[in-house]
Amino acid sequence: MTRILFFALLAAIAWIWITRKKGKPDAEPRSPETPAVEHIVQCAHCGLRVPEGESLLVDGKHYCSEAHRDADVAER
């Protein structure tokens, strides 16, 4: 009878240990994702500052719109 109780107790301890181990998060802490940083550039025609992804790049100059790009090219 004591053998049955011993193995039942051993099984219960193993069950508790396994279920607690499953519930814990990974040992590696996850680093928070940093937001992507986009550079701000200045329009060569009017001086407006816009994100680099939204600007038009022509001959190394950034423009805020097609109209300003065309106006600056026409002035040359």
PDB file of N, CA and C in Angstrom:
ATOM      1  N   MET A   1       0.825  -1.194   0.000  1.00  0.00           N
ATOM      2  CA  MET A   1       0.000   0.000   0.000  1.00  0.00           C
ATOM      3  C   MET A   1       0.870   1.261   0.000  1.00  0.00           C
ATOM      4  N   THR A   2       1.967   1.211   0.737  1.00  0.00           N
ATOM      5  CA  THR A   2       2.842   2.383   0.783  1.00  0.00           C
ATOM      6  C   THR A   2       3.508   2.625  -0.566  1.00  0.00           C
ATOM      7  N   ARG A   3       3.742   1.538  -1.304  1.00  0.00           N
ATOM      8  CA  ARG A   3       4.326   1.697  -2.641  1.00  0.00           C
ATOM      9  C   ARG A   3       3.377   2.470  -3.551  1.00  0.00           C
ATOM     10  N   ILE A   4       2.099   2.150  -3.493  1.00  0.00           N
ATOM     11  CA  ILE A   4       1.105   2.830  -4.321  1.00  0.00           C
ATOM     12  C   ILE A   4       1.036   4.310  -3.947  1.00  0.00           C
ATOM     13  N   LEU A   5       1.012   4.609  -2.665  1.00  0.00           N
ATOM     14  CA  LEU A   5       0.981   5.995  -2.213  1.00  0.00           C
ATOM     15  C   LEU A   5       2.253   6.742  -2.633  1.00  0.00           C
ATOM     16  N   PHE A   6       3.403   6.069  -2.546  1.00  0.00           N
ATOM     17  CA  PHE A   6       4.671   6.682  -2.933  1.00  0.00           C
ATOM     18  C   PHE A   6       4.661   7.044  -4.416  1.00  0.00           C
ATOM     19  N   PHE A   7       4.252   6.120  -5.271  1.00  0.00           N
ATOM     20  CA  PHE A   7       4.230   6.387  -6.707  1.00  0.00           C
ATOM     21  C   PHE A   7       3.139   7.399  -7.080  1.00  0.00           C
ATOM     22  N   ALA A   8       2.027   7.385  -6.387  1.00  0.00           N
ATOM     23  CA  ALA A   8       0.977   8.374  -6.627  1.00  0.00           C
ATOM     24  C   ALA A   8       1.473   9.769  -6.250  1.00  0.00           C
ATOM     25  N   LEU A   9       2.162   9.869  -5.126  1.00  0.00           N
ATOM     26  CA  LEU A   9       2.730  11.142  -4.700  1.00  0.00           C
ATOM     27  C   LEU A   9       3.808  11.608  -5.674  1.00  0.00           C
ATOM     28  N   LEU A  10       4.645  10.693  -6.122  1.00  0.00           N
ATOM     29  CA  LEU A  10       5.688  11.007  -7.092  1.00  0.00           C
ATOM     30  C   LEU A  10       5.070  11.486  -8.414  1.00  0.00           C
ATOM     31  N   ALA A  11       4.021  10.838  -8.864  1.00  0.00           N
ATOM     32  CA  ALA A  11       3.335  11.238 -10.094  1.00  0.00           C
ATOM     33  C   ALA A  11       2.689  12.615  -9.928  1.00  0.00           C
ATOM     34  N   ALA A  12       2.106  12.886  -8.773  1.00  0.00           N
ATOM     35  CA  ALA A  12       1.482  14.186  -8.522  1.00  0.00           C
ATOM     36  C   ALA A  12       2.529  15.299  -8.521  1.00  0.00           C
ATOM     37  N   ILE A  13       3.664  15.055  -7.904  1.00  0.00           N
ATOM     38  CA  ILE A  13       4.741  16.053  -7.888  1.00  0.00           C
ATOM     39  C   ILE A  13       5.254  16.300  -9.306  1.00  0.00           C
ATOM     40  N   ALA A  14       5.436  15.240 -10.076  1.00  0.00           N
ATOM     41  CA  ALA A  14       5.900  15.382 -11.458  1.00  0.00           C
ATOM     42  C   ALA A  14       4.876  16.163 -12.283  1.00  0.00           C
ATOM     43  N   TRP A  15       3.605  15.878 -12.099  1.00  0.00           N
ATOM     44  CA  TRP A  15       2.543  16.574 -12.832  1.00  0.00           C
ATOM     45  C   TRP A  15       2.553  18.075 -12.508  1.00  0.00           C
ATOM     46  N   ILE A  16       2.656  18.412 -11.242  1.00  0.00           N
ATOM     47  CA  ILE A  16       2.691  19.818 -10.832  1.00  0.00           C
ATOM     48  C   ILE A  16       3.924  20.505 -11.405  1.00  0.00           C
ATOM     49  N   TRP A  17       5.069  19.848 -11.356  1.00  0.00           N
ATOM     50  CA  TRP A  17       6.314  20.429 -11.860  1.00  0.00           C
ATOM     51  C   TRP A  17       6.233  20.681 -13.371  1.00  0.00           C
ATOM     52  N   ILE A  18       5.674  19.732 -14.110  1.00  0.00           N
ATOM     53  CA  ILE A  18       5.562  19.867 -15.568  1.00  0.00           C
ATOM     54  C   ILE A  18       4.589  20.986 -15.940  1.00  0.00           C
ATOM     55  N   THR A  19       3.443  21.062 -15.272  1.00  0.00           N
ATOM     56  CA  THR A  19       2.466  22.099 -15.612  1.00  0.00           C
ATOM     57  C   THR A  19       2.977  23.490 -15.249  1.00  0.00           C
ATOM     58  N   ARG A  20       3.718  23.635 -14.191  1.00  0.00           N
ATOM     59  CA  ARG A  20       4.288  24.944 -13.840  1.00  0.00           C
ATOM     60  C   ARG A  20       5.388  25.333 -14.816  1.00  0.00           C
ATOM     61  N   LYS A  21       6.155  24.362 -15.253  1.00  0.00           N
ATOM     62  CA  LYS A  21       7.242  24.624 -16.200  1.00  0.00           C
ATOM     63  C   LYS A  21       6.673  25.090 -17.541  1.00  0.00           C
ATOM     64  N   LYS A  22       5.559  24.533 -17.958  1.00  0.00           N
ATOM     65  CA  LYS A  22       4.922  24.909 -19.223  1.00  0.00           C
ATOM     66  C   LYS A  22       4.394  26.338 -19.184  1.00  0.00           C
ATOM     67  N   GLY A  23       3.874  26.761 -18.057  1.00  0.00           N
ATOM     68  CA  GLY A  23       3.247  28.069 -17.938  1.00  0.00           C
ATOM     69  C   GLY A  23       4.222  29.226 -17.889  1.00  0.00           C
ATOM     70  N   LYS A  24       5.494  28.982 -17.622  1.00  0.00           N
ATOM     71  CA  LYS A  24       6.468  30.060 -17.503  1.00  0.00           C
ATOM     72  C   LYS A  24       6.881  30.560 -18.880  1.00  0.00           C
ATOM     73  N   PRO A  25       7.124  31.868 -18.998  1.00  0.00           N
ATOM     74  CA  PRO A  25       7.605  32.402 -20.273  1.00  0.00           C
ATOM     75  C   PRO A  25       9.046  31.977 -20.527  1.00  0.00           C
ATOM     76  N   ASP A  26       9.493  32.200 -21.755  1.00  0.00           N
ATOM     77  CA  ASP A  26      10.855  31.842 -22.126  1.00  0.00           C
ATOM     78  C   ASP A  26      11.861  32.558 -21.235  1.00  0.00           C
ATOM     79  N   ALA A  27      13.014  31.934 -21.069  1.00  0.00           N
ATOM     80  CA  ALA A  27      14.059  32.526 -20.252  1.00  0.00           C
ATOM     81  C   ALA A  27      14.637  33.777 -20.915  1.00  0.00           C
ATOM     82  N   GLU A  28      14.614  33.831 -22.255  1.00  0.00           N
ATOM     83  CA  GLU A  28      15.138  34.985 -22.977  1.00  0.00           C
ATOM     84  C   GLU A  28      14.126  36.121 -22.934  1.00  0.00           C
ATOM     85  N   PRO A  29      14.486  37.231 -22.333  1.00  0.00           N
ATOM     86  CA  PRO A  29      13.550  38.358 -22.353  1.00  0.00           C
ATOM     87  C   PRO A  29      13.518  38.969 -23.744  1.00  0.00           C
ATOM     88  N   ARG A  30      12.343  39.282 -24.196  1.00  0.00           N
ATOM     89  CA  ARG A  30      12.190  39.870 -25.525  1.00  0.00           C
ATOM     90  C   ARG A  30      12.426  41.369 -25.432  1.00  0.00           C
ATOM     91  N   SER A  31      13.206  41.873 -26.335  1.00  0.00           N
ATOM     92  CA  SER A  31      13.445  43.313 -26.354  1.00  0.00           C
ATOM     93  C   SER A  31      12.270  43.988 -27.046  1.00  0.00           C
ATOM     94  N   PRO A  32      11.851  45.128 -26.537  1.00  0.00           N
ATOM     95  CA  PRO A  32      10.728  45.814 -27.181  1.00  0.00           C
ATOM     96  C   PRO A  32      11.134  46.282 -28.566  1.00  0.00           C
ATOM     97  N   GLU A  33      10.206  46.165 -29.496  1.00  0.00           N
ATOM     98  CA  GLU A  33      10.501  46.573 -30.865  1.00  0.00           C
ATOM     99  C   GLU A  33      10.586  48.092 -30.930  1.00  0.00           C
ATOM    100  N   THR A  34      11.659  48.558 -31.510  1.00  0.00           N
ATOM    101  CA  THR A  34      11.823  49.998 -31.654  1.00  0.00           C
ATOM    102  C   THR A  34      11.159  50.437 -32.954  1.00  0.00           C
ATOM    103  N   PRO A  35      10.455  51.535 -32.888  1.00  0.00           N
ATOM    104  CA  PRO A  35       9.808  51.997 -34.114  1.00  0.00           C
ATOM    105  C   PRO A  35      10.856  52.442 -35.127  1.00  0.00           C
ATOM    106  N   ALA A  36      10.533  52.260 -36.377  1.00  0.00           N
ATOM    107  CA  ALA A  36      11.450  52.669 -37.438  1.00  0.00           C
ATOM    108  C   ALA A  36      11.532  54.193 -37.466  1.00  0.00           C
ATOM    109  N   VAL A  37      12.729  54.702 -37.583  1.00  0.00           N
ATOM    110  CA  VAL A  37      12.943  56.142 -37.617  1.00  0.00           C
ATOM    111  C   VAL A  37      13.177  56.556 -39.062  1.00  0.00           C
ATOM    112  N   GLU A  38      12.416  57.527 -39.506  1.00  0.00           N
ATOM    113  CA  GLU A  38      12.564  58.012 -40.872  1.00  0.00           C
ATOM    114  C   GLU A  38      13.151  59.423 -40.817  1.00  0.00           C
ATOM    115  N   HIS A  39      14.159  59.656 -41.613  1.00  0.00           N
ATOM    116  CA  HIS A  39      14.814  60.960 -41.631  1.00  0.00           C
ATOM    117  C   HIS A  39      13.895  62.012 -42.242  1.00  0.00           C
ATOM    118  N   ILE A  40      14.018  63.218 -41.717  1.00  0.00           N
ATOM    119  CA  ILE A  40      13.264  64.349 -42.237  1.00  0.00           C
ATOM    120  C   ILE A  40      14.198  65.153 -43.140  1.00  0.00           C
ATOM    121  N   VAL A  41      13.707  65.485 -44.327  1.00  0.00           N
ATOM    122  CA  VAL A  41      14.500  66.264 -45.282  1.00  0.00           C
ATOM    123  C   VAL A  41      13.752  67.555 -45.605  1.00  0.00           C
ATOM    124  N   GLN A  42      14.487  68.516 -46.144  1.00  0.00           N
ATOM    125  CA  GLN A  42      13.913  69.824 -46.449  1.00  0.00           C
ATOM    126  C   GLN A  42      13.749  69.977 -47.954  1.00  0.00           C
ATOM    127  N   CYS A  43      12.608  70.502 -48.355  1.00  0.00           N
ATOM    128  CA  CYS A  43      12.338  70.744 -49.772  1.00  0.00           C
ATOM    129  C   CYS A  43      13.317  71.801 -50.287  1.00  0.00           C
ATOM    130  N   ALA A  44      13.939  71.528 -51.425  1.00  0.00           N
ATOM    131  CA  ALA A  44      14.917  72.454 -52.000  1.00  0.00           C
ATOM    132  C   ALA A  44      14.260  73.719 -52.540  1.00  0.00           C
ATOM    133  N   HIS A  45      12.959  73.691 -52.771  1.00  0.00           N
ATOM    134  CA  HIS A  45      12.267  74.853 -53.348  1.00  0.00           C
ATOM    135  C   HIS A  45      11.656  75.746 -52.265  1.00  0.00           C
ATOM    136  N   CYS A  46      10.876  75.165 -51.353  1.00  0.00           N
ATOM    137  CA  CYS A  46      10.146  75.986 -50.375  1.00  0.00           C
ATOM    138  C   CYS A  46      10.658  75.852 -48.941  1.00  0.00           C
ATOM    139  N   GLY A  47      11.474  74.846 -48.663  1.00  0.00           N
ATOM    140  CA  GLY A  47      12.013  74.680 -47.317  1.00  0.00           C
ATOM    141  C   GLY A  47      11.144  73.852 -46.386  1.00  0.00           C
ATOM    142  N   LEU A  48      10.024  73.349 -46.877  1.00  0.00           N
ATOM    143  CA  LEU A  48       9.149  72.515 -46.059  1.00  0.00           C
ATOM    144  C   LEU A  48       9.868  71.232 -45.684  1.00  0.00           C
ATOM    145  N   ARG A  49       9.696  70.798 -44.457  1.00  0.00           N
ATOM    146  CA  ARG A  49      10.331  69.559 -44.006  1.00  0.00           C
ATOM    147  C   ARG A  49       9.328  68.411 -44.131  1.00  0.00           C
ATOM    148  N   VAL A  50       9.752  67.358 -44.812  1.00  0.00           N
ATOM    149  CA  VAL A  50       8.905  66.188 -45.052  1.00  0.00           C
ATOM    150  C   VAL A  50       9.710  64.927 -44.770  1.00  0.00           C
ATOM    151  N   PRO A  51       9.029  63.809 -44.452  1.00  0.00           N
ATOM    152  CA  PRO A  51       9.746  62.545 -44.289  1.00  0.00           C
ATOM    153  C   PRO A  51      10.429  62.150 -45.596  1.00  0.00           C
ATOM    154  N   GLU A  52      11.590  61.554 -45.479  1.00  0.00           N
ATOM    155  CA  GLU A  52      12.369  61.208 -46.662  1.00  0.00           C
ATOM    156  C   GLU A  52      11.606  60.279 -47.599  1.00  0.00           C
ATOM    157  N   GLY A  53      10.801  59.396 -47.049  1.00  0.00           N
ATOM    158  CA  GLY A  53      10.030  58.467 -47.865  1.00  0.00           C
ATOM    159  C   GLY A  53       8.950  59.139 -48.692  1.00  0.00           C
ATOM    160  N   GLU A  54       8.493  60.307 -48.272  1.00  0.00           N
ATOM    161  CA  GLU A  54       7.442  61.019 -48.994  1.00  0.00           C
ATOM    162  C   GLU A  54       7.999  62.073 -49.944  1.00  0.00           C
ATOM    163  N   SER A  55       9.297  62.309 -49.900  1.00  0.00           N
ATOM    164  CA  SER A  55       9.888  63.345 -50.750  1.00  0.00           C
ATOM    165  C   SER A  55      10.272  62.782 -52.113  1.00  0.00           C
ATOM    166  N   LEU A  56      10.456  63.682 -53.061  1.00  0.00           N
ATOM    167  CA  LEU A  56      10.916  63.316 -54.400  1.00  0.00           C
ATOM    168  C   LEU A  56      12.389  63.695 -54.483  1.00  0.00           C
ATOM    169  N   LEU A  57      13.239  62.768 -54.873  1.00  0.00           N
ATOM    170  CA  LEU A  57      14.674  63.004 -54.947  1.00  0.00           C
ATOM    171  C   LEU A  57      15.091  63.138 -56.404  1.00  0.00           C
ATOM    172  N   VAL A  58      15.624  64.310 -56.758  1.00  0.00           N
ATOM    173  CA  VAL A  58      16.087  64.570 -58.121  1.00  0.00           C
ATOM    174  C   VAL A  58      17.441  65.263 -58.019  1.00  0.00           C
ATOM    175  N   ASP A  59      18.450  64.688 -58.645  1.00  0.00           N
ATOM    176  CA  ASP A  59      19.805  65.246 -58.657  1.00  0.00           C
ATOM    177  C   ASP A  59      20.319  65.570 -57.255  1.00  0.00           C
ATOM    178  N   GLY A  60      20.015  64.721 -56.302  1.00  0.00           N
ATOM    179  CA  GLY A  60      20.503  64.918 -54.934  1.00  0.00           C
ATOM    180  C   GLY A  60      19.713  65.924 -54.120  1.00  0.00           C
ATOM    181  N   LYS A  61      18.634  66.480 -54.668  1.00  0.00           N
ATOM    182  CA  LYS A  61      17.791  67.440 -53.955  1.00  0.00           C
ATOM    183  C   LYS A  61      16.443  66.798 -53.670  1.00  0.00           C
ATOM    184  N   HIS A  62      15.885  67.129 -52.507  1.00  0.00           N
ATOM    185  CA  HIS A  62      14.577  66.609 -52.109  1.00  0.00           C
ATOM    186  C   HIS A  62      13.521  67.676 -52.351  1.00  0.00           C
ATOM    187  N   TYR A  63      12.352  67.225 -52.811  1.00  0.00           N
ATOM    188  CA  TYR A  63      11.232  68.124 -53.060  1.00  0.00           C
ATOM    189  C   TYR A  63       9.994  67.567 -52.375  1.00  0.00           C
ATOM    190  N   CYS A  64       9.104  68.489 -51.943  1.00  0.00           N
ATOM    191  CA  CYS A  64       7.893  68.056 -51.242  1.00  0.00           C
ATOM    192  C   CYS A  64       6.779  67.667 -52.209  1.00  0.00           C
ATOM    193  N   SER A  65       6.848  68.132 -53.458  1.00  0.00           N
ATOM    194  CA  SER A  65       5.802  67.807 -54.434  1.00  0.00           C
ATOM    195  C   SER A  65       6.376  67.874 -55.842  1.00  0.00           C
ATOM    196  N   GLU A  66       5.605  67.349 -56.776  1.00  0.00           N
ATOM    197  CA  GLU A  66       6.021  67.391 -58.181  1.00  0.00           C
ATOM    198  C   GLU A  66       6.037  68.825 -58.697  1.00  0.00           C
ATOM    199  N   ALA A  67       5.108  69.646 -58.227  1.00  0.00           N
ATOM    200  CA  ALA A  67       5.043  71.043 -58.669  1.00  0.00           C
ATOM    201  C   ALA A  67       6.315  71.789 -58.271  1.00  0.00           C
ATOM    202  N   HIS A  68       6.791  71.552 -57.053  1.00  0.00           N
ATOM    203  CA  HIS A  68       8.015  72.227 -56.613  1.00  0.00           C
ATOM    204  C   HIS A  68       9.244  71.668 -57.325  1.00  0.00           C
ATOM    205  N   ARG A  69       9.217  70.403 -57.635  1.00  0.00           N
ATOM    206  CA  ARG A  69      10.312  69.823 -58.410  1.00  0.00           C
ATOM    207  C   ARG A  69      10.372  70.479 -59.787  1.00  0.00           C
ATOM    208  N   ASP A  70       9.219  70.579 -60.442  1.00  0.00           N
ATOM    209  CA  ASP A  70       9.162  71.171 -61.779  1.00  0.00           C
ATOM    210  C   ASP A  70       9.527  72.656 -61.741  1.00  0.00           C
ATOM    211  N   ALA A  71       9.073  73.365 -60.704  1.00  0.00           N
ATOM    212  CA  ALA A  71       9.369  74.797 -60.589  1.00  0.00           C
ATOM    213  C   ALA A  71      10.861  75.024 -60.383  1.00  0.00           C
ATOM    214  N   ASP A  72      11.493  74.187 -59.581  1.00  0.00           N
ATOM    215  CA  ASP A  72      12.924  74.347 -59.327  1.00  0.00           C
ATOM    216  C   ASP A  72      13.738  74.009 -60.571  1.00  0.00           C
ATOM    217  N   VAL A  73      13.315  73.002 -61.320  1.00  0.00           N
ATOM    218  CA  VAL A  73      14.013  72.624 -62.552  1.00  0.00           C
ATOM    219  C   VAL A  73      13.845  73.731 -63.596  1.00  0.00           C
ATOM    220  N   ALA A  74      12.668  74.371 -63.652  1.00  0.00           N
ATOM    221  CA  ALA A  74      12.407  75.437 -64.621  1.00  0.00           C
ATOM    222  C   ALA A  74      13.241  76.682 -64.325  1.00  0.00           C
ATOM    223  N   GLU A  75      13.573  76.913 -63.048  1.00  0.00           N
ATOM    224  CA  GLU A  75      14.364  78.084 -62.663  1.00  0.00           C
ATOM    225  C   GLU A  75      15.817  77.961 -63.097  1.00  0.00           C
ATOM    226  N   ARG A  76      16.289  76.780 -63.338  1.00  0.00           N
ATOM    227  CA  ARG A  76      17.706  76.583 -63.686  1.00  0.00           C
ATOM    228  C   ARG A  76      18.031  77.063 -65.036  1.00  0.00           C
TER     229      ARG A  76
END
